[in-house]
Amino acid sequence: MQHVKDPVLLKKVGSRIREIRKEQKLSQLELAVAMDNHAEQIGRIERGELNVTIGTLKKIAESLQISLSHLLAE
């Protein structure tokens, strides 16, 4: 399976994650712990440096206690 990397889309999604995380007054570390992940990876996702899977986006949404559709809304 080939991975498609769209830098514009990745940055938009990452910015949206950062926006919601900050609205909830969570640090990258707090979100990472809730996801059983590393803060460095959250930072890379938020900067659009990491091509994330739907599964990872679902875990992020669940950790932020929002729906996946809300996370991906513009």
Protein backbone atom coordinates (compact mmCIF):
# COMPACT_ATOMS: atom_id res chain seq x y z
CA MET A 1 0.00 0.00 0.00
CA GLN A 2 1.38 3.39 -0.97
CA HIS A 3 1.18 6.26 1.50
CA VAL A 4 0.00 9.59 0.18
CA LYS A 5 1.58 12.58 1.85
CA ASP A 6 -0.26 15.85 1.29
CA PRO A 7 1.65 18.50 3.27
CA VAL A 8 -1.17 21.05 3.09
CA LEU A 9 -3.74 18.58 4.42
CA LEU A 10 -1.37 17.31 7.13
CA LYS A 11 -0.73 20.87 8.34
CA LYS A 12 -4.46 21.67 8.38
CA VAL A 13 -5.25 18.56 10.42
CA GLY A 14 -2.30 19.22 12.73
CA SER A 15 -3.37 22.81 13.29
CA ARG A 16 -6.89 21.66 14.09
CA ILE A 17 -5.58 19.17 16.66
CA ARG A 18 -3.43 21.88 18.27
CA GLU A 19 -6.37 24.32 18.32
CA ILE A 20 -8.69 21.86 20.06
CA ARG A 21 -5.97 20.67 22.46
CA LYS A 22 -5.26 24.25 23.53
CA GLU A 23 -8.98 25.05 23.87
CA GLN A 24 -9.12 22.16 26.33
CA LYS A 25 -6.01 23.50 28.10
CA LEU A 26 -4.09 20.27 27.54
CA SER A 27 -0.36 20.04 26.98
CA GLN A 28 1.09 17.82 24.29
CA LEU A 29 2.29 15.53 27.08
CA GLU A 30 -1.19 15.28 28.60
CA LEU A 31 -2.70 14.38 25.22
CA ALA A 32 0.08 11.89 24.57
CA VAL A 33 -0.47 10.18 27.93
CA ALA A 34 -4.22 9.96 27.25
CA MET A 35 -3.41 8.27 23.93
CA ASP A 36 -0.61 6.08 25.34
CA ASN A 37 1.80 7.85 23.00
CA HIS A 38 4.80 10.23 23.11
CA ALA A 39 4.62 14.04 23.29
CA GLU A 40 7.21 14.25 20.49
CA GLN A 41 4.84 12.41 18.16
CA ILE A 42 1.98 14.76 19.04
CA GLY A 43 4.25 17.69 18.19
CA ARG A 44 5.14 16.16 14.83
CA ILE A 45 1.47 15.52 14.05
CA GLU A 46 0.53 19.10 14.98
CA ARG A 47 3.31 20.48 12.76
CA GLY A 48 2.14 18.34 9.84
CA GLU A 49 5.38 16.36 9.78
CA LEU A 50 3.82 12.94 10.33
CA ASN A 51 1.46 11.12 7.98
CA VAL A 52 -1.19 9.90 10.43
CA THR A 53 -3.61 7.03 9.99
CA ILE A 54 -7.35 7.16 10.52
CA GLY A 55 -6.79 4.96 13.57
CA THR A 56 -4.43 7.53 15.09
CA LEU A 57 -6.86 10.35 14.32
CA LYS A 58 -9.62 8.33 16.00
CA LYS A 59 -7.45 7.88 19.12
CA ILE A 60 -6.71 11.62 19.17
CA ALA A 61 -10.42 12.44 18.85
CA GLU A 62 -11.33 10.00 21.62
CA SER A 63 -8.61 11.41 23.87
CA LEU A 64 -9.94 14.92 23.25
CA GLN A 65 -13.48 13.59 23.88
CA ILE A 66 -14.75 14.76 20.50
CA SER A 67 -16.01 12.98 17.41
CA LEU A 68 -13.71 12.25 14.51
CA SER A 69 -15.96 14.39 12.30
CA HIS A 70 -15.56 17.33 14.71
CA LEU A 71 -11.79 16.90 14.61
CA LEU A 72 -11.77 16.95 10.81
CA ALA A 73 -14.30 19.79 10.43
CA GLU A 74 -13.04 23.02 8.90
